[in-house]
PDB file of N, CA and C in Angstrom:
ATOM      1  N   MET A   1      87.301-137.495  64.669  1.00  0.00           N
ATOM      2  CA  MET A   1      86.461-138.726  64.659  1.00  0.00           C
ATOM      3  C   MET A   1      85.189-139.030  65.159  1.00  0.00           C
ATOM      4  N   ILE A   2      84.358-139.611  64.154  1.00  0.00           N
ATOM      5  CA  ILE A   2      82.759-139.517  64.625  1.00  0.00           C
ATOM      6  C   ILE A   2      82.265-140.806  64.993  1.00  0.00           C
ATOM      7  N   VAL A   3      81.764-140.463  66.087  1.00  0.00           N
ATOM      8  CA  VAL A   3      81.116-141.728  67.038  1.00  0.00           C
ATOM      9  C   VAL A   3      79.474-142.161  66.594  1.00  0.00           C
ATOM     10  N   ALA A   4      79.152-143.215  66.739  1.00  0.00           N
ATOM     11  CA  ALA A   4      77.824-143.582  66.403  1.00  0.00           C
ATOM     12  C   ALA A   4      77.435-144.314  67.848  1.00  0.00           C
ATOM     13  N   ILE A   5      76.173-143.776  67.969  1.00  0.00           N
ATOM     14  CA  ILE A   5      75.498-144.395  69.293  1.00  0.00           C
ATOM     15  C   ILE A   5      74.266-144.516  69.212  1.00  0.00           C
ATOM     16  N   PRO A   6      73.868-146.053  69.165  1.00  0.00           N
ATOM     17  CA  PRO A   6      72.258-146.045  69.211  1.00  0.00           C
ATOM     18  C   PRO A   6      71.174-145.577  70.279  1.00  0.00           C
ATOM     19  N   SER A   7      70.605-144.950  69.921  1.00  0.00           N
ATOM     20  CA  SER A   7      69.811-144.178  70.682  1.00  0.00           C
ATOM     21  C   SER A   7      67.788-144.466  70.510  1.00  0.00           C
ATOM     22  N   SER A   8      67.716-144.326  71.590  1.00  0.00           N
ATOM     23  CA  SER A   8      66.091-144.599  72.078  1.00  0.00           C
ATOM     24  C   SER A   8      65.372-143.506  71.241  1.00  0.00           C
ATOM     25  N   SER A   9      65.733-141.996  70.951  1.00  0.00           N
ATOM     26  CA  SER A   9      64.995-140.945  70.601  1.00  0.00           C
ATOM     27  C   SER A   9      66.190-139.852  69.870  1.00  0.00           C
ATOM     28  N   ASP A  10      65.625-139.042  69.717  1.00  0.00           N
ATOM     29  CA  ASP A  10      66.314-137.943  69.016  1.00  0.00           C
ATOM     30  C   ASP A  10      66.851-136.763  69.849  1.00  0.00           C
ATOM     31  N   LYS A  11      66.992-137.181  71.139  1.00  0.00           N
ATOM     32  CA  LYS A  11      67.206-135.952  72.355  1.00  0.00           C
ATOM     33  C   LYS A  11      68.647-136.332  73.210  1.00  0.00           C
ATOM     34  N   ILE A  12      69.428-135.348  73.487  1.00  0.00           N
ATOM     35  CA  ILE A  12      70.496-135.581  73.932  1.00  0.00           C
ATOM     36  C   ILE A  12      70.769-136.291  75.451  1.00  0.00           C
ATOM     37  N   ASP A  13      69.130-136.153  76.040  1.00  0.00           N
ATOM     38  CA  ASP A  13      69.201-136.859  77.058  1.00  0.00           C
ATOM     39  C   ASP A  13      68.759-138.367  77.211  1.00  0.00           C
ATOM     40  N   ALA A  14      68.371-138.858  76.177  1.00  0.00           N
ATOM     41  CA  ALA A  14      67.716-140.145  75.766  1.00  0.00           C
ATOM     42  C   ALA A  14      69.100-141.187  76.036  1.00  0.00           C
ATOM     43  N   LEU A  15      68.216-142.430  76.437  1.00  0.00           N
ATOM     44  CA  LEU A  15      69.108-143.524  76.910  1.00  0.00           C
ATOM     45  C   LEU A  15      69.683-144.110  75.788  1.00  0.00           C
ATOM     46  N   ILE A  16      70.751-145.004  75.843  1.00  0.00           N
ATOM     47  CA  ILE A  16      71.458-145.564  74.549  1.00  0.00           C
ATOM     48  C   ILE A  16      70.588-146.600  74.436  1.00  0.00           C
ATOM     49  N   ASP A  17      69.956-146.761  73.242  1.00  0.00           N
ATOM     50  CA  ASP A  17      69.125-148.135  73.006  1.00  0.00           C
ATOM     51  C   ASP A  17      69.659-149.152  72.902  1.00  0.00           C
ATOM     52  N   ASP A  18      69.062-150.344  73.392  1.00  0.00           N
ATOM     53  CA  ASP A  18      69.998-151.762  73.894  1.00  0.00           C
ATOM     54  C   ASP A  18      69.739-152.623  72.279  1.00  0.00           C
ATOM     55  N   ARG A  19      69.192-151.943  71.049  1.00  0.00           N
ATOM     56  CA  ARG A  19      69.009-152.558  70.033  1.00  0.00           C
ATOM     57  C   ARG A  19      69.883-152.076  68.923  1.00  0.00           C
ATOM     58  N   PHE A  20      71.089-152.259  68.896  1.00  0.00           N
ATOM     59  CA  PHE A  20      72.086-151.698  67.889  1.00  0.00           C
ATOM     60  C   PHE A  20      71.622-151.602  66.483  1.00  0.00           C
ATOM     61  N   ALA A  21      71.177-152.343  65.868  1.00  0.00           N
ATOM     62  CA  ALA A  21      70.394-152.447  64.257  1.00  0.00           C
ATOM     63  C   ALA A  21      68.911-152.079  64.084  1.00  0.00           C
ATOM     64  N   ARG A  22      68.241-152.028  65.240  1.00  0.00           N
ATOM     65  CA  ARG A  22      66.939-151.763  65.268  1.00  0.00           C
ATOM     66  C   ARG A  22      66.710-150.305  66.294  1.00  0.00           C
ATOM     67  N   CYS A  23      67.882-149.693  66.430  1.00  0.00           N
ATOM     68  CA  CYS A  23      67.058-148.522  66.992  1.00  0.00           C
ATOM     69  C   CYS A  23      66.397-147.375  66.532  1.00  0.00           C
ATOM     70  N   PRO A  24      65.861-146.843  67.004  1.00  0.00           N
ATOM     71  CA  PRO A  24      64.841-145.492  66.272  1.00  0.00           C
ATOM     72  C   PRO A  24      66.151-144.612  65.515  1.00  0.00           C
ATOM     73  N   PHE A  25      67.133-144.064  66.240  1.00  0.00           N
ATOM     74  CA  PHE A  25      67.910-143.202  65.797  1.00  0.00           C
ATOM     75  C   PHE A  25      69.506-143.479  66.346  1.00  0.00           C
ATOM     76  N   PHE A  26      70.147-142.987  65.457  1.00  0.00           N
ATOM     77  CA  PHE A  26      71.611-142.941  65.585  1.00  0.00           C
ATOM     78  C   PHE A  26      72.320-141.490  66.090  1.00  0.00           C
ATOM     79  N   CYS A  27      72.854-141.350  67.147  1.00  0.00           N
ATOM     80  CA  CYS A  27      73.562-139.974  67.747  1.00  0.00           C
ATOM     81  C   CYS A  27      74.855-140.040  66.976  1.00  0.00           C
ATOM     82  N   PHE A  28      75.133-139.251  66.133  1.00  0.00           N
ATOM     83  CA  PHE A  28      76.512-139.184  65.842  1.00  0.00           C
ATOM     84  C   PHE A  28      77.255-137.972  66.398  1.00  0.00           C
ATOM     85  N   TYR A  29      78.511-138.399  66.862  1.00  0.00           N
ATOM     86  CA  TYR A  29      79.050-137.379  67.637  1.00  0.00           C
ATOM     87  C   TYR A  29      80.275-137.080  67.166  1.00  0.00           C
ATOM     88  N   ASN A  30      80.892-135.884  66.987  1.00  0.00           N
ATOM     89  CA  ASN A  30      81.991-135.405  66.070  1.00  0.00           C
ATOM     90  C   ASN A  30      83.021-134.844  67.442  1.00  0.00           C
ATOM     91  N   THR A  31      83.973-135.757  67.659  1.00  0.00           N
ATOM     92  CA  THR A  31      85.118-135.707  68.908  1.00  0.00           C
ATOM     93  C   THR A  31      85.729-134.258  68.329  1.00  0.00           C
ATOM     94  N   GLU A  32      85.863-134.059  67.445  1.00  0.00           N
ATOM     95  CA  GLU A  32      86.870-132.655  67.203  1.00  0.00           C
ATOM     96  C   GLU A  32      86.038-131.449  67.143  1.00  0.00           C
ATOM     97  N   THR A  33      84.634-131.366  66.694  1.00  0.00           N
ATOM     98  CA  THR A  33      83.962-130.177  66.653  1.00  0.00           C
ATOM     99  C   THR A  33      82.962-130.062  67.686  1.00  0.00           C
ATOM    100  N   LYS A  34      83.030-131.424  68.550  1.00  0.00           N
ATOM    101  CA  LYS A  34      81.876-131.413  69.547  1.00  0.00           C
ATOM    102  C   LYS A  34      80.250-131.254  69.002  1.00  0.00           C
ATOM    103  N   GLY A  35      80.464-131.365  67.909  1.00  0.00           N
ATOM    104  CA  GLY A  35      78.952-131.496  67.257  1.00  0.00           C
ATOM    105  C   GLY A  35      77.859-132.657  67.220  1.00  0.00           C
ATOM    106  N   ILE A  36      76.711-132.683  67.400  1.00  0.00           N
ATOM    107  CA  ILE A  36      76.002-133.575  67.739  1.00  0.00           C
ATOM    108  C   ILE A  36      74.894-133.657  66.412  1.00  0.00           C
ATOM    109  N   GLU A  37      74.569-134.597  66.040  1.00  0.00           N
ATOM    110  CA  GLU A  37      73.715-134.698  64.915  1.00  0.00           C
ATOM    111  C   GLU A  37      72.888-136.149  64.861  1.00  0.00           C
ATOM    112  N   PHE A  38      71.631-135.929  65.073  1.00  0.00           N
ATOM    113  CA  PHE A  38      70.802-137.315  64.690  1.00  0.00           C
ATOM    114  C   PHE A  38      70.424-137.969  63.614  1.00  0.00           C
ATOM    115  N   LYS A  39      70.521-139.142  63.425  1.00  0.00           N
ATOM    116  CA  LYS A  39      69.599-139.421  61.872  1.00  0.00           C
ATOM    117  C   LYS A  39      69.004-140.730  62.447  1.00  0.00           C
ATOM    118  N   GLU A  40      67.689-140.837  61.948  1.00  0.00           N
ATOM    119  CA  GLU A  40      66.846-141.574  61.748  1.00  0.00           C
ATOM    120  C   GLU A  40      67.287-142.985  61.173  1.00  0.00           C
ATOM    121  N   ASN A  41      66.824-144.128  61.870  1.00  0.00           N
ATOM    122  CA  ASN A  41      67.432-145.300  61.398  1.00  0.00           C
ATOM    123  C   ASN A  41      66.603-145.800  60.472  1.00  0.00           C
ATOM    124  N   SER A  42      66.416-145.854  59.560  1.00  0.00           N
ATOM    125  CA  SER A  42      65.461-145.901  58.439  1.00  0.00           C
ATOM    126  C   SER A  42      65.325-147.453  58.138  1.00  0.00           C
ATOM    127  N   LEU A  43      66.327-148.311  58.292  1.00  0.00           N
ATOM    128  CA  LEU A  43      66.858-149.554  58.075  1.00  0.00           C
ATOM    129  C   LEU A  43      66.233-150.803  59.203  1.00  0.00           C
ATOM    130  N   ARG A  44      65.530-149.935  60.549  1.00  0.00           N
ATOM    131  CA  ARG A  44      65.328-150.617  61.606  1.00  0.00           C
ATOM    132  C   ARG A  44      64.018-151.641  61.340  1.00  0.00           C
ATOM    133  N   ASN A  45      63.571-151.466  60.402  1.00  0.00           N
ATOM    134  CA  ASN A  45      62.169-152.465  60.434  1.00  0.00           C
ATOM    135  C   ASN A  45      62.374-153.419  59.185  1.00  0.00           C
ATOM    136  N   ALA A  46      63.492-153.218  58.746  1.00  0.00           N
ATOM    137  CA  ALA A  46      63.837-154.524  57.518  1.00  0.00           C
ATOM    138  C   ALA A  46      63.467-155.812  58.054  1.00  0.00           C
ATOM    139  N   MET A  47      63.493-156.738  57.057  1.00  0.00           N
ATOM    140  CA  MET A  47      63.090-158.305  57.428  1.00  0.00           C
ATOM    141  C   MET A  47      64.355-158.925  57.917  1.00  0.00           C
ATOM    142  N   ASP A  48      65.281-158.896  57.248  1.00  0.00           N
ATOM    143  CA  ASP A  48      66.572-159.651  57.501  1.00  0.00           C
ATOM    144  C   ASP A  48      67.830-158.971  56.930  1.00  0.00           C
ATOM    145  N   GLY A  49      69.111-159.299  57.414  1.00  0.00           N
ATOM    146  CA  GLY A  49      70.180-158.584  56.865  1.00  0.00           C
ATOM    147  C   GLY A  49      70.633-157.430  57.615  1.00  0.00           C
ATOM    148  N   ILE A  50      69.769-157.198  58.906  1.00  0.00           N
ATOM    149  CA  ILE A  50      69.649-155.769  58.901  1.00  0.00           C
ATOM    150  C   ILE A  50      70.951-155.206  59.744  1.00  0.00           C
ATOM    151  N   GLY A  51      71.895-156.212  60.658  1.00  0.00           N
ATOM    152  CA  GLY A  51      72.825-155.782  61.109  1.00  0.00           C
ATOM    153  C   GLY A  51      73.898-154.830  59.859  1.00  0.00           C
ATOM    154  N   PRO A  52      74.155-155.692  59.022  1.00  0.00           N
ATOM    155  CA  PRO A  52      75.353-155.768  57.756  1.00  0.00           C
ATOM    156  C   PRO A  52      74.571-154.323  57.178  1.00  0.00           C
ATOM    157  N   GLN A  53      73.444-154.196  56.931  1.00  0.00           N
ATOM    158  CA  GLN A  53      72.688-152.745  56.201  1.00  0.00           C
ATOM    159  C   GLN A  53      73.219-151.623  57.218  1.00  0.00           C
ATOM    160  N   VAL A  54      72.828-151.879  58.267  1.00  0.00           N
ATOM    161  CA  VAL A  54      73.238-150.698  59.378  1.00  0.00           C
ATOM    162  C   VAL A  54      74.735-150.334  59.419  1.00  0.00           C
ATOM    163  N   VAL A  55      75.523-151.186  59.259  1.00  0.00           N
ATOM    164  CA  VAL A  55      76.769-151.058  59.364  1.00  0.00           C
ATOM    165  C   VAL A  55      77.518-150.188  58.024  1.00  0.00           C
ATOM    166  N   GLU A  56      76.669-150.667  56.840  1.00  0.00           N
ATOM    167  CA  GLU A  56      76.969-150.106  55.966  1.00  0.00           C
ATOM    168  C   GLU A  56      76.696-148.630  55.748  1.00  0.00           C
ATOM    169  N   PHE A  57      75.496-148.348  56.386  1.00  0.00           N
ATOM    170  CA  PHE A  57      74.709-146.799  56.782  1.00  0.00           C
ATOM    171  C   PHE A  57      75.819-146.180  57.307  1.00  0.00           C
ATOM    172  N   LEU A  58      76.272-146.649  58.610  1.00  0.00           N
ATOM    173  CA  LEU A  58      77.427-145.896  59.253  1.00  0.00           C
ATOM    174  C   LEU A  58      78.582-145.635  58.774  1.00  0.00           C
ATOM    175  N   ALA A  59      79.195-146.509  57.740  1.00  0.00           N
ATOM    176  CA  ALA A  59      80.658-146.264  57.045  1.00  0.00           C
ATOM    177  C   ALA A  59      80.204-145.525  56.340  1.00  0.00           C
ATOM    178  N   ASN A  60      79.195-145.382  55.697  1.00  0.00           N
ATOM    179  CA  ASN A  60      78.698-144.360  54.608  1.00  0.00           C
ATOM    180  C   ASN A  60      78.617-142.621  55.268  1.00  0.00           C
ATOM    181  N   ASN A  61      78.609-142.823  56.491  1.00  0.00           N
ATOM    182  CA  ASN A  61      78.718-141.523  57.165  1.00  0.00           C
ATOM    183  C   ASN A  61      79.893-141.090  57.971  1.00  0.00           C
ATOM    184  N   GLY A  62      80.958-142.152  57.612  1.00  0.00           N
ATOM    185  CA  GLY A  62      82.145-141.680  58.327  1.00  0.00           C
ATOM    186  C   GLY A  62      82.464-142.075  59.545  1.00  0.00           C
ATOM    187  N   ILE A  63      81.577-143.061  60.274  1.00  0.00           N
ATOM    188  CA  ILE A  63      81.968-143.227  61.530  1.00  0.00           C
ATOM    189  C   ILE A  63      83.049-144.159  62.050  1.00  0.00           C
ATOM    190  N   SER A  64      83.948-143.676  62.917  1.00  0.00           N
ATOM    191  CA  SER A  64      85.232-144.352  62.878  1.00  0.00           C
ATOM    192  C   SER A  64      85.060-145.311  64.428  1.00  0.00           C
ATOM    193  N   GLU A  65      83.980-145.159  64.983  1.00  0.00           N
ATOM    194  CA  GLU A  65      83.559-145.705  66.442  1.00  0.00           C
ATOM    195  C   GLU A  65      82.436-146.073  66.482  1.00  0.00           C
ATOM    196  N   VAL A  66      81.716-147.030  67.144  1.00  0.00           N
ATOM    197  CA  VAL A  66      80.301-147.238  67.665  1.00  0.00           C
ATOM    198  C   VAL A  66      80.441-147.807  69.038  1.00  0.00           C
ATOM    199  N   TYR A  67      79.191-146.728  70.003  1.00  0.00           N
ATOM    200  CA  TYR A  67      79.302-147.325  71.157  1.00  0.00           C
ATOM    201  C   TYR A  67      78.070-147.709  71.568  1.00  0.00           C
ATOM    202  N   ALA A  68      77.867-148.982  71.869  1.00  0.00           N
ATOM    203  CA  ALA A  68      76.626-149.808  71.939  1.00  0.00           C
ATOM    204  C   ALA A  68      76.458-150.716  73.086  1.00  0.00           C
ATOM    205  N   PHE A  69      75.091-151.055  73.376  1.00  0.00           N
ATOM    206  CA  PHE A  69      75.071-152.255  74.644  1.00  0.00           C
ATOM    207  C   PHE A  69      75.667-153.735  73.908  1.00  0.00           C
ATOM    208  N   GLU A  70      75.015-154.085  72.833  1.00  0.00           N
ATOM    209  CA  GLU A  70      75.101-155.252  71.916  1.00  0.00           C
ATOM    210  C   GLU A  70      75.247-155.341  70.511  1.00  0.00           C
ATOM    211  N   ILE A  71      76.150-155.951  70.123  1.00  0.00           N
ATOM    212  CA  ILE A  71      76.187-155.805  68.343  1.00  0.00           C
ATOM    213  C   ILE A  71      76.365-157.394  68.166  1.00  0.00           C
ATOM    214  N   GLY A  72      75.403-157.663  66.954  1.00  0.00           N
ATOM    215  CA  GLY A  72      75.257-158.900  66.620  1.00  0.00           C
ATOM    216  C   GLY A  72      76.294-159.320  65.759  1.00  0.00           C
ATOM    217  N   PRO A  73      76.727-160.618  65.636  1.00  0.00           N
ATOM    218  CA  PRO A  73      78.427-161.312  65.140  1.00  0.00           C
ATOM    219  C   PRO A  73      78.085-161.003  63.612  1.00  0.00           C
ATOM    220  N   LYS A  74      77.188-160.941  62.932  1.00  0.00           N
ATOM    221  CA  LYS A  74      77.506-160.271  61.522  1.00  0.00           C
ATOM    222  C   LYS A  74      77.894-158.956  61.557  1.00  0.00           C
ATOM    223  N   ALA A  75      76.779-158.248  62.033  1.00  0.00           N
ATOM    224  CA  ALA A  75      77.272-156.662  62.336  1.00  0.00           C
ATOM    225  C   ALA A  75      78.789-156.280  63.083  1.00  0.00           C
ATOM    226  N   GLN A  76      79.123-157.265  63.788  1.00  0.00           N
ATOM    227  CA  GLN A  76      80.507-157.241  64.220  1.00  0.00           C
ATOM    228  C   GLN A  76      81.398-157.400  63.532  1.00  0.00           C
ATOM    229  N   LYS A  77      81.665-158.768  62.822  1.00  0.00           N
ATOM    230  CA  LYS A  77      82.388-158.950  61.725  1.00  0.00           C
ATOM    231  C   LYS A  77      82.530-158.058  60.523  1.00  0.00           C
ATOM    232  N   ILE A  78      81.448-157.310  60.107  1.00  0.00           N
ATOM    233  CA  ILE A  78      81.701-156.015  59.142  1.00  0.00           C
ATOM    234  C   ILE A  78      82.229-154.905  59.751  1.00  0.00           C
ATOM    235  N   LEU A  79      82.113-154.487  60.626  1.00  0.00           N
ATOM    236  CA  LEU A  79      82.674-153.664  61.540  1.00  0.00           C
ATOM    237  C   LEU A  79      84.019-153.648  61.723  1.00  0.00           C
ATOM    238  N   ASP A  80      84.375-154.712  62.146  1.00  0.00           N
ATOM    239  CA  ASP A  80      85.821-155.269  62.082  1.00  0.00           C
ATOM    240  C   ASP A  80      86.609-155.165  60.667  1.00  0.00           C
ATOM    241  N   LYS A  81      85.898-155.328  60.019  1.00  0.00           N
ATOM    242  CA  LYS A  81      86.597-155.654  58.503  1.00  0.00           C
ATOM    243  C   LYS A  81      86.874-154.258  58.136  1.00  0.00           C
ATOM    244  N   LEU A  82      86.026-153.304  58.450  1.00  0.00           N
ATOM    245  CA  LEU A  82      85.893-152.141  58.091  1.00  0.00           C
ATOM    246  C   LEU A  82      86.772-150.959  58.918  1.00  0.00           C
ATOM    247  N   ASN A  83      87.471-151.661  60.165  1.00  0.00           N
ATOM    248  CA  ASN A  83      88.183-150.885  60.948  1.00  0.00           C
ATOM    249  C   ASN A  83      87.396-149.982  61.687  1.00  0.00           C
ATOM    250  N   ILE A  84      85.911-150.142  61.876  1.00  0.00           N
ATOM    251  CA  ILE A  84      85.414-149.416  62.929  1.00  0.00           C
ATOM    252  C   ILE A  84      85.463-150.238  64.171  1.00  0.00           C
ATOM    253  N   ARG A  85      85.982-149.291  65.082  1.00  0.00           N
ATOM    254  CA  ARG A  85      86.235-149.862  66.289  1.00  0.00           C
ATOM    255  C   ARG A  85      84.949-149.761  66.973  1.00  0.00           C
ATOM    256  N   THR A  86      84.680-150.940  68.355  1.00  0.00           N
ATOM    257  CA  THR A  86      83.295-151.018  68.860  1.00  0.00           C
ATOM    258  C   THR A  86      83.574-150.825  70.654  1.00  0.00           C
ATOM    259  N   LYS A  87      82.787-150.193  71.248  1.00  0.00           N
ATOM    260  CA  LYS A  87      83.040-150.384  72.619  1.00  0.00           C
ATOM    261  C   LYS A  87      81.547-150.683  73.112  1.00  0.00           C
ATOM    262  N   LEU A  88      81.799-151.211  74.155  1.00  0.00           N
ATOM    263  CA  LEU A  88      80.115-152.205  74.644  1.00  0.00           C
ATOM    264  C   LEU A  88      80.027-151.049  76.157  1.00  0.00           C
ATOM    265  N   VAL A  89      79.061-150.681  76.175  1.00  0.00           N
ATOM    266  CA  VAL A  89      78.358-149.867  77.476  1.00  0.00           C
ATOM    267  C   VAL A  89      77.228-150.090  77.980  1.00  0.00           C
ATOM    268  N   ASN A  90      76.789-149.668  79.138  1.00  0.00           N
ATOM    269  CA  ASN A  90      75.636-150.025  80.179  1.00  0.00           C
ATOM    270  C   ASN A  90      74.590-149.461  79.324  1.00  0.00           C
ATOM    271  N   THR A  91      73.312-150.128  79.049  1.00  0.00           N
ATOM    272  CA  THR A  91      72.540-149.192  78.553  1.00  0.00           C
ATOM    273  C   THR A  91      71.562-148.548  79.471  1.00  0.00           C
ATOM    274  N   LYS A  92      72.031-148.339  80.799  1.00  0.00           N
ATOM    275  CA  LYS A  92      71.366-147.454  81.615  1.00  0.00           C
ATOM    276  C   LYS A  92      71.858-145.912  81.362  1.00  0.00           C
ATOM    277  N   GLN A  93      73.143-145.881  80.540  1.00  0.00           N
ATOM    278  CA  GLN A  93      73.438-144.457  80.464  1.00  0.00           C
ATOM    279  C   GLN A  93      72.689-143.684  79.290  1.00  0.00           C
ATOM    280  N   THR A  94      72.673-142.615  79.457  1.00  0.00           N
ATOM    281  CA  THR A  94      72.367-141.199  78.563  1.00  0.00           C
ATOM    282  C   THR A  94      73.483-140.910  77.495  1.00  0.00           C
ATOM    283  N   LEU A  95      72.742-140.546  76.561  1.00  0.00           N
ATOM    284  CA  LEU A  95      73.533-140.173  75.403  1.00  0.00           C
ATOM    285  C   LEU A  95      74.578-139.097  75.804  1.00  0.00           C
ATOM    286  N   GLN A  96      74.154-137.990  76.805  1.00  0.00           N
ATOM    287  CA  GLN A  96      75.083-137.004  77.185  1.00  0.00           C
ATOM    288  C   GLN A  96      76.297-137.664  78.028  1.00  0.00           C
ATOM    289  N   GLN A  97      76.253-138.903  79.096  1.00  0.00           N
ATOM    290  CA  GLN A  97      76.994-139.661  79.815  1.00  0.00           C
ATOM    291  C   GLN A  97      77.984-139.968  78.767  1.00  0.00           C
ATOM    292  N   VAL A  98      77.440-140.573  77.774  1.00  0.00           N
ATOM    293  CA  VAL A  98      78.807-141.352  77.019  1.00  0.00           C
ATOM    294  C   VAL A  98      79.528-140.193  76.563  1.00  0.00           C
ATOM    295  N   ILE A  99      79.028-139.134  75.979  1.00  0.00           N
ATOM    296  CA  ILE A  99      79.470-137.932  75.283  1.00  0.00           C
ATOM    297  C   ILE A  99      80.548-137.413  76.243  1.00  0.00           C
ATOM    298  N   ASN A 100      80.022-137.087  77.606  1.00  0.00           N
ATOM    299  CA  ASN A 100      80.697-136.416  78.551  1.00  0.00           C
ATOM    300  C   ASN A 100      82.112-137.475  78.704  1.00  0.00           C
ATOM    301  N   MET A 101      82.065-138.618  78.694  1.00  0.00           N
ATOM    302  CA  MET A 101      82.985-139.409  78.949  1.00  0.00           C
ATOM    303  C   MET A 101      84.307-139.579  77.608  1.00  0.00           C
ATOM    304  N   LEU A 102      83.591-139.320  76.334  1.00  0.00           N
ATOM    305  CA  LEU A 102      84.425-139.303  75.337  1.00  0.00           C
ATOM    306  C   LEU A 102      85.148-138.201  75.734  1.00  0.00           C
ATOM    307  N   ASN A 103      84.814-137.098  76.348  1.00  0.00           N
ATOM    308  CA  ASN A 103      85.576-135.835  76.252  1.00  0.00           C
ATOM    309  C   ASN A 103      86.293-135.667  77.524  1.00  0.00           C
ATOM    310  N   ASN A 104      86.378-136.775  78.219  1.00  0.00           N
ATOM    311  CA  ASN A 104      87.207-136.713  79.278  1.00  0.00           C
ATOM    312  C   ASN A 104      88.534-137.260  79.014  1.00  0.00           C
TER     313      ASN A 104
END
């Protein structure tokens, strides 16, 4: 399963970004291979409709689950429609802390 986490930078010790659709990067974590990949969120500066566009980007990258601080209602509706699970987490956590939680 591949998990997406909005990130404030492309480093594993970065904090979860509190902006789901407007985060600078997404950390993609593969729970089977333990692989980590960062992808820049090139949609973060879009004028409107950004949440659904970001969800489409995540779906196209094979994401099964999203860990985020907050997700807007339009994005959440599409995530639900695509059967991409969501988990809300504390923004004070680093990506590494979330990954450690996934491995337990």
